[in-house]
Amino acid sequence: MAKLRVTWVKSGIGYAQVQKKTLKALGLNRLNQSVTHDDSPSVRGMINKVQHLVKVEEKG
């Protein structure tokens, strides 16, 4: 299964509380932190909600 590397690149200040909680659910606690997740529809949905705050790289 493919992996996704998600990096938090923009602050969540000024955005909806739901988006901040989505960042926490992805495992992101600090700006510029990266986490790796399996590529699944649920993870893709969370990334889609905060796509303006994160950078996503596919890892084969």
Protein backbone atom coordinates (compact mmCIF):
# COMPACT_ATOMS: atom_id res chain seq x y z
CA MET A 1 0.00 0.00 0.00
CA ALA A 2 1.22 3.48 -0.85
CA LYS A 3 2.21 5.90 1.89
CA LEU A 4 1.51 9.62 2.18
CA ARG A 5 3.84 12.04 3.92
CA VAL A 6 1.83 14.97 5.31
CA THR A 7 3.68 18.11 6.42
CA TRP A 8 1.99 20.97 8.27
CA VAL A 9 3.20 24.15 6.51
CA LYS A 10 0.71 26.92 7.43
CA SER A 11 -0.70 27.93 10.82
CA GLY A 12 -4.28 27.06 11.69
CA ILE A 13 -4.84 30.40 13.45
CA GLY A 14 -7.92 32.10 12.04
CA TYR A 15 -9.40 28.89 10.62
CA ALA A 16 -12.38 26.89 11.87
CA GLN A 17 -12.01 24.71 14.97
CA VAL A 18 -12.96 21.67 12.86
CA GLN A 19 -9.85 22.22 10.71
CA LYS A 20 -7.62 22.49 13.79
CA LYS A 21 -9.07 19.22 15.10
CA THR A 22 -8.44 17.59 11.73
CA LEU A 23 -4.76 18.53 11.98
CA LYS A 24 -4.64 16.89 15.43
CA ALA A 25 -6.41 13.80 14.07
CA LEU A 26 -3.72 13.52 11.40
CA GLY A 27 -1.14 13.49 14.20
CA LEU A 28 0.23 16.97 13.58
CA ASN A 29 1.12 18.95 16.71
CA ARG A 30 3.66 21.54 15.52
CA LEU A 31 4.21 23.62 12.41
CA ASN A 32 6.64 21.98 9.94
CA GLN A 33 6.04 18.56 11.50
CA SER A 34 5.68 15.59 9.13
CA VAL A 35 3.77 12.35 9.62
CA THR A 36 3.38 9.29 7.41
CA HIS A 37 0.02 7.60 6.83
CA ASP A 38 -1.22 4.75 4.67
CA ASP A 39 -3.08 5.99 1.61
CA SER A 40 -6.75 5.40 2.44
CA PRO A 41 -10.01 7.19 1.65
CA SER A 42 -10.41 8.38 5.25
CA VAL A 43 -6.93 9.92 5.34
CA ARG A 44 -7.47 11.47 1.90
CA GLY A 45 -10.70 13.03 3.19
CA MET A 46 -8.95 14.57 6.20
CA ILE A 47 -6.18 15.91 3.97
CA ASN A 48 -8.77 17.38 1.62
CA LYS A 49 -10.33 19.35 4.51
CA VAL A 50 -7.00 21.01 5.38
CA GLN A 51 -5.28 21.00 1.98
CA HIS A 52 -4.57 24.74 2.29
CA LEU A 53 -2.56 24.11 5.50
CA VAL A 54 -0.54 21.02 4.57
CA LYS A 55 1.82 19.68 1.91
CA VAL A 56 1.38 16.07 0.77
CA GLU A 57 4.00 13.84 -0.85
CA GLU A 58 3.39 10.32 -2.12
CA LYS A 59 5.90 7.70 -1.09
CA GLY A 60 5.98 4.50 -3.15
